[in-house]
Each structure stands twice: as structure tokens, then as C-alpha cells.
């Protein structure tokens, strides 16, 4: 009994932090999202302003676009990388590659943006080298393509970290049994490996999507004018010209609804896929 009491008491700091930094801010956001400052009452005015504005609609579309493409491409590359490391395991090379990937996963935010500017900025190493060779630079890290590449870069290490344990569910006995029954490698991957990995792939996709749609530091350091939801929310909360925390709260709710929708769809597909696989 005393151990249970001590265990509950030791959890109090965690619950206090959880309430102070998640529950209370979330409640504040939900309350302010429905408060119209001009009308001085609670209504759907903030959401009407969002969906009536082409500027805010563009931020939603661009956030969805960059998050989706970077998550899909990052997931594909992370899957191939995870399988390669898994195929090399156990070995010193596999351990080294996984440790290197872990180090890369922590290289994000401002340091990543600074590195990209040094390498591929207007006066970066690549562009200066091309100009010295008489070649006009054809790539800008500040463009839409460049920003997507930056997103893909920081998605890959996270995807590898999350996917690598899933490959341990692929037992060698499954592959050997399929070969004995006359199945080719293609049939093995379609009928056995992919159904086993599908729930993990869907789960990692949701995490990568959330990681991308909430990213702020890297994109702000590269191009603060790029119109996505995190930058729009920040500009409304801490902007020098426009300050509207109520509209920022409404945009935050839109962001949460998008993530909730993606999560529910992924969970539904995962359960349905598992049922068919069985």
C-alpha cells in the first residue's frame, strides 16, 4: 500500500506539467478560437474569416501539400534505409549506420536551415561554384522545391528510427516457408511482409505528417514569407503589424482538426488492413 502511495505521489509532477503545458493552453485556445473580438461575443466569426480569406486558405493548402509530399517521400526513403540496415544486422556497419541516423535525427531547426543556406543559398557553396564555372544557378533553397527538400531531409532520420524496430517482425522463418511453398520474393513481400509492416507504415506516416505540419524553426529561418499555418499563427501572436490571438487560436484549432482527421483515417485503415491480412 505504501509503495502504491509513493508511486502516485511520484507521478504528481508529471501530471502537473501535463496540465500546465497541455491541458490549460489547449483550453485557452479552444475558448479564444470562438471569441470574436469585434463582436465581443462567442461565435464562428474567426472561422468564417479563415475560410473566406484566400490568404489563409493558401496557408492551409500549402501546409497540407508540403506535409503530405515530404511524409510520403520521406517514408519511402526511410523504409528502404531501414530495411537496408536491418539486412546488414547484426554487424558493426549496421550499428554505425543506425547511430549515424540517430545523430542526423537531432539535426533540425535553425542549425539545419543555417547549413542549407551555407550549401545552397544565394551565396552558398553550390551556387558560388556554379557561377565560377559560368553556369547560372538553377536551384534555390528558398523556393518551393527547396523547402520541400529540407522537409524531406528531416523526415528521413525520424522515419528510420520509428520503422527499424518494425522490420524485426519479419522473421526469417516466414521467408523460408514462403520459398518452400514456391512463392517468389515479390509474392513474399506482397502477401506476407507488406501486411505485417502496414500498421507500422501508417503509424509512422501520421507521425511524419504531424512532424511536418507543425514544423516552424527551419522554415521560418529559410523563408519567413512562406505561407504555411505555423508561420501564420506565429505572425498573429507575435507579429509587429498584425496581432490577433483569437484568429491565431482559430487557426490552431484548424491545425488540430486536420491532425485529428489524419489520425482517425490512419487508425481506421490500419484496423481494416489488419482484418484483411488475417
Protein backbone atom coordinates (compact mmCIF):
# COMPACT_ATOMS: atom_id res chain seq x y z
CA UNK A 1 0.00 0.00 0.00
CA UNK A 2 2.83 2.37 0.90
CA UNK A 3 4.54 1.61 -2.43
CA UNK A 4 1.35 2.46 -4.33
CA UNK A 5 1.03 5.77 -2.46
CA UNK A 6 4.66 6.66 -3.21
CA UNK A 7 4.14 5.75 -6.86
CA UNK A 8 1.10 8.03 -7.11
CA UNK A 9 2.96 10.87 -5.39
CA UNK A 10 5.93 10.48 -7.77
CA UNK A 11 3.53 10.91 -10.70
CA UNK A 12 2.18 14.23 -9.43
CA UNK A 13 4.96 16.36 -11.04
CA UNK A 14 4.27 14.71 -14.41
CA UNK A 15 0.53 15.37 -14.12
CA UNK A 16 1.23 18.95 -13.05
CA UNK A 17 3.42 19.55 -16.10
CA UNK A 18 0.85 17.81 -18.34
CA UNK A 19 -1.95 20.05 -17.06
CA UNK A 20 0.12 23.25 -17.07
CA UNK A 21 1.64 22.88 -20.52
CA UNK A 22 -1.01 20.93 -22.44
CA UNK A 23 -4.48 20.92 -20.91
CA UNK A 24 -4.63 24.59 -19.83
CA UNK A 25 -3.16 26.00 -23.09
CA UNK A 26 -5.49 23.75 -25.08
CA UNK A 27 -8.48 25.02 -23.11
CA UNK A 28 -7.32 28.61 -23.63
CA UNK A 29 -7.01 28.05 -27.38
CA UNK A 30 -10.46 26.47 -27.66
CA UNK A 31 -12.09 29.30 -25.71
CA UNK A 32 -10.39 32.07 -27.67
CA UNK A 33 -10.94 30.39 -31.05
CA UNK A 34 -14.67 31.03 -30.73
CA UNK A 35 -14.38 34.54 -29.32
CA UNK A 36 -14.88 37.34 -31.85
CA UNK A 37 -13.12 40.46 -30.59
CA UNK A 38 -15.05 42.80 -32.88
CA UNK A 39 -18.41 41.36 -31.83
CA UNK A 40 -17.31 40.94 -28.19
CA UNK A 41 -19.11 37.60 -28.05
CA UNK A 42 -18.59 33.95 -28.83
CA UNK A 43 -19.34 32.92 -32.39
CA UNK A 44 -17.89 31.26 -35.51
CA UNK A 45 -16.67 34.61 -36.87
CA UNK A 46 -12.97 33.69 -36.66
CA UNK A 47 -13.52 30.52 -38.68
CA UNK A 48 -15.62 32.43 -41.20
CA UNK A 49 -12.72 34.87 -41.67
CA UNK A 50 -10.30 31.99 -42.20
CA UNK A 51 -12.33 30.18 -44.85
CA UNK A 52 -13.37 33.42 -46.55
CA UNK A 53 -9.75 34.51 -46.98
CA UNK A 54 -7.72 33.20 -49.92
CA UNK A 55 -4.56 34.03 -47.97
CA UNK A 56 -5.40 31.73 -45.05
CA UNK A 57 -6.80 29.05 -47.35
CA UNK A 58 -3.49 29.11 -49.21
CA UNK A 59 -1.63 28.59 -45.92
CA UNK A 60 -3.80 25.53 -45.18
CA UNK A 61 -3.31 24.07 -48.67
CA UNK A 62 0.44 24.67 -48.65
CA UNK A 63 0.78 23.15 -45.18
CA UNK A 64 -1.11 20.06 -46.31
CA UNK A 65 0.88 19.86 -49.55
CA UNK A 66 4.37 20.13 -48.07
CA UNK A 67 3.46 17.81 -45.18
CA UNK A 68 1.95 15.15 -47.44
CA UNK A 69 4.69 15.07 -50.06
CA UNK A 70 7.53 15.21 -47.54
CA UNK A 71 5.89 12.47 -45.45
CA UNK A 72 5.30 10.15 -48.42
CA UNK A 73 8.76 10.63 -49.95
CA UNK A 74 10.44 10.56 -46.55
CA UNK A 75 8.54 7.37 -45.65
CA UNK A 76 9.62 5.64 -48.87
CA UNK A 77 13.29 6.53 -48.37
CA UNK A 78 13.12 5.69 -44.65
CA UNK A 79 11.57 2.29 -45.43
CA UNK A 80 14.36 1.42 -47.88
CA UNK A 81 17.00 2.68 -45.46
CA UNK A 82 15.51 0.80 -42.50
CA UNK A 83 15.39 -2.43 -44.46
CA UNK A 84 18.99 -1.96 -45.61
CA UNK A 85 20.19 -1.51 -42.02
CA UNK A 86 18.03 -4.47 -40.94
CA UNK A 87 19.52 -6.64 -43.70
CA UNK A 88 23.03 -5.75 -42.51
CA UNK A 89 22.22 -6.57 -38.88
CA UNK A 90 23.81 -7.73 -36.74
CA UNK A 91 27.08 -6.09 -37.72
CA UNK A 92 29.27 -3.16 -36.76
CA UNK A 93 28.33 -1.42 -40.00
CA UNK A 94 24.61 -1.63 -39.16
CA UNK A 95 25.26 -0.27 -35.66
CA UNK A 96 27.32 2.57 -37.09
CA UNK A 97 24.67 3.47 -39.67
CA UNK A 98 21.90 3.45 -37.07
CA UNK A 99 23.98 5.61 -34.71
CA UNK A 100 24.68 8.00 -37.58
CA UNK A 101 20.97 8.19 -38.36
CA UNK A 102 20.23 8.93 -34.69
CA UNK A 103 22.68 11.83 -34.84
CA UNK A 104 21.06 13.15 -38.02
CA UNK A 105 17.61 13.00 -36.40
CA UNK A 106 18.74 15.67 -33.92
CA UNK A 107 20.00 17.94 -36.68
CA UNK A 108 16.95 20.10 -37.38
CA UNK A 109 15.55 23.56 -36.76
CA UNK A 110 17.83 26.58 -37.01
CA UNK A 111 21.10 24.58 -37.44
CA UNK A 112 19.59 22.70 -40.38
CA UNK A 113 18.37 25.91 -42.01
CA UNK A 114 21.77 27.54 -41.50
CA UNK A 115 23.53 24.53 -43.08
CA UNK A 116 21.17 24.63 -46.07
CA UNK A 117 21.77 28.35 -46.56
CA UNK A 118 25.55 27.80 -46.49
CA UNK A 119 25.34 24.98 -49.02
CA UNK A 120 22.52 26.00 -51.36
CA UNK A 121 21.69 29.65 -50.53
CA UNK A 122 22.02 32.50 -52.99
CA UNK A 123 25.68 32.85 -51.98
CA UNK A 124 26.06 29.24 -50.87
CA UNK A 125 28.89 26.91 -51.80
CA UNK A 126 27.00 25.20 -54.64
CA UNK A 127 25.77 28.39 -56.30
CA UNK A 128 29.14 30.15 -55.97
CA UNK A 129 30.84 27.12 -57.52
CA UNK A 130 28.36 27.07 -60.41
CA UNK A 131 28.82 30.80 -61.01
CA UNK A 132 32.62 30.39 -61.06
CA UNK A 133 32.16 27.76 -63.79
CA UNK A 134 29.96 30.12 -65.79
CA UNK A 135 26.78 28.19 -65.03
CA UNK A 136 23.69 30.04 -63.90
CA UNK A 137 22.35 28.53 -60.65
CA UNK A 138 19.20 26.53 -61.34
CA UNK A 139 18.26 25.74 -57.76
CA UNK A 140 17.25 27.88 -54.79
CA UNK A 141 16.82 26.55 -51.29
CA UNK A 142 14.26 29.31 -50.68
CA UNK A 143 11.91 28.08 -53.44
CA UNK A 144 9.01 25.69 -53.01
CA UNK A 145 11.10 22.75 -54.21
CA UNK A 146 13.98 23.69 -51.92
CA UNK A 147 11.73 23.91 -48.89
CA UNK A 148 10.20 20.52 -49.71
CA UNK A 149 13.71 19.04 -49.88
CA UNK A 150 14.50 20.45 -46.43
CA UNK A 151 11.31 18.89 -45.05
CA UNK A 152 12.16 15.54 -46.64
CA UNK A 153 15.65 15.70 -45.17
CA UNK A 154 14.50 15.97 -41.54
CA UNK A 155 11.70 13.42 -42.10
CA UNK A 156 14.01 10.58 -43.16
CA UNK A 157 16.01 10.07 -39.91
CA UNK A 158 12.84 10.14 -37.81
CA UNK A 159 11.20 7.63 -40.15
CA UNK A 160 14.21 5.30 -39.88
CA UNK A 161 14.18 5.47 -36.07
CA UNK A 162 10.50 4.55 -35.98
CA UNK A 163 10.47 1.95 -38.76
CA UNK A 164 13.61 -0.04 -37.94
CA UNK A 165 12.04 -1.94 -34.98
CA UNK A 166 9.08 -2.89 -37.22
CA UNK A 167 11.32 -4.91 -39.52
CA UNK A 168 12.13 -7.22 -36.60
CA UNK A 169 8.61 -8.61 -37.03
CA UNK A 170 9.75 -10.08 -40.36
CA UNK A 171 11.07 -13.42 -39.20
CA UNK A 172 13.36 -15.41 -41.47
CA UNK A 173 11.09 -18.44 -40.99
CA UNK A 174 8.29 -16.63 -42.83
CA UNK A 175 10.51 -16.06 -45.85
CA UNK A 176 11.82 -19.62 -45.80
CA UNK A 177 8.30 -21.04 -45.53
CA UNK A 178 7.14 -18.96 -48.49
CA UNK A 179 10.08 -20.18 -50.57
CA UNK A 180 9.30 -23.82 -49.69
CA UNK A 181 5.73 -23.27 -50.87
CA UNK A 182 7.07 -21.90 -54.16
CA UNK A 183 6.47 -18.19 -53.59
CA UNK A 184 8.81 -15.68 -55.19
CA UNK A 185 10.31 -12.68 -53.37
CA UNK A 186 7.64 -10.44 -54.92
CA UNK A 187 4.83 -12.66 -53.60
CA UNK A 188 6.51 -12.80 -50.19
CA UNK A 189 6.61 -9.01 -49.92
CA UNK A 190 3.05 -8.56 -51.20
CA UNK A 191 1.37 -11.36 -49.23
CA UNK A 192 3.45 -11.51 -46.03
CA UNK A 193 5.90 -8.65 -45.45
CA UNK A 194 3.72 -5.70 -46.50
CA UNK A 195 0.65 -6.77 -44.43
CA UNK A 196 2.92 -7.17 -41.40
CA UNK A 197 4.50 -3.75 -41.94
CA UNK A 198 1.34 -1.90 -43.00
CA UNK A 199 0.22 -0.80 -39.49
CA UNK A 200 3.72 0.48 -38.70
CA UNK A 201 3.92 2.31 -42.04
CA UNK A 202 0.58 4.02 -41.45
CA UNK A 203 1.55 4.96 -37.91
CA UNK A 204 4.90 6.38 -39.00
CA UNK A 205 3.19 8.31 -41.81
CA UNK A 206 0.91 10.01 -39.26
CA UNK A 207 3.90 10.90 -37.06
CA UNK A 208 5.85 12.27 -40.03
CA UNK A 209 2.82 14.26 -41.16
CA UNK A 210 2.43 15.75 -37.68
CA UNK A 211 6.15 16.46 -37.56
CA UNK A 212 5.97 18.32 -40.88
CA UNK A 213 2.74 20.25 -40.43
CA UNK A 214 3.90 21.59 -37.05
CA UNK A 215 7.47 22.42 -38.13
CA UNK A 216 8.35 26.08 -37.65
CA UNK A 217 12.01 26.91 -36.94
CA UNK A 218 13.60 25.57 -40.14
CA UNK A 219 11.05 27.05 -42.48
CA UNK A 220 11.00 30.40 -40.69
CA UNK A 221 14.80 30.67 -40.86
CA UNK A 222 14.78 29.81 -44.57
CA UNK A 223 11.81 31.82 -45.78
CA UNK A 224 9.63 33.61 -43.25
CA UNK A 225 7.27 34.65 -46.07
CA UNK A 226 6.40 31.07 -46.97
CA UNK A 227 2.67 30.85 -46.33
CA UNK A 228 2.01 27.89 -44.02
CA UNK A 229 -0.09 27.56 -40.87
CA UNK A 230 2.67 27.66 -38.20
CA UNK A 231 4.08 30.91 -39.63
CA UNK A 232 0.62 32.46 -39.91
CA UNK A 233 -0.20 31.51 -36.31
CA UNK A 234 3.09 32.98 -35.07
CA UNK A 235 2.61 36.20 -37.02
CA UNK A 236 -0.81 36.69 -35.40
CA UNK A 237 0.52 36.03 -31.90
CA UNK A 238 3.87 37.81 -32.00
CA UNK A 239 3.62 39.95 -35.12
CA UNK A 240 4.69 43.57 -35.08
CA UNK A 241 1.98 44.68 -37.52
CA UNK A 242 -0.97 42.32 -37.07
CA UNK A 243 -1.80 40.98 -33.63
CA UNK A 244 -4.89 38.81 -33.33
CA UNK A 245 -4.56 35.95 -30.80
CA UNK A 246 -8.21 34.96 -31.31
CA UNK A 247 -7.73 34.35 -35.02
CA UNK A 248 -4.45 32.56 -34.21
CA UNK A 249 -6.38 30.29 -31.84
CA UNK A 250 -8.89 29.51 -34.59
CA UNK A 251 -6.04 28.62 -36.97
CA UNK A 252 -4.60 26.38 -34.24
CA UNK A 253 -7.94 24.59 -33.97
CA UNK A 254 -7.96 24.08 -37.75
CA UNK A 255 -4.46 22.59 -37.43
CA UNK A 256 -5.61 20.26 -34.64
CA UNK A 257 -8.69 19.17 -36.61
CA UNK A 258 -6.51 18.31 -39.61
CA UNK A 259 -4.21 16.19 -37.45
CA UNK A 260 -7.17 14.53 -35.71
CA UNK A 261 -8.71 13.68 -39.09
CA UNK A 262 -5.45 12.20 -40.42
CA UNK A 263 -5.03 10.13 -37.25
CA UNK A 264 -8.59 8.77 -37.35
CA UNK A 265 -8.29 7.82 -41.03
CA UNK A 266 -4.94 6.10 -40.42
CA UNK A 267 -6.35 4.15 -37.43
CA UNK A 268 -9.38 3.08 -39.46
CA UNK A 269 -7.22 1.93 -42.37
CA UNK A 270 -4.84 0.12 -40.01
CA UNK A 271 -7.67 -1.87 -38.36
CA UNK A 272 -9.26 -2.67 -41.71
CA UNK A 273 -5.95 -3.71 -43.23
CA UNK A 274 -5.13 -5.97 -40.27
CA UNK A 275 -8.53 -7.62 -40.56
CA UNK A 276 -7.98 -8.38 -44.26
CA UNK A 277 -4.45 -9.57 -43.62
CA UNK A 278 -5.72 -12.13 -41.14
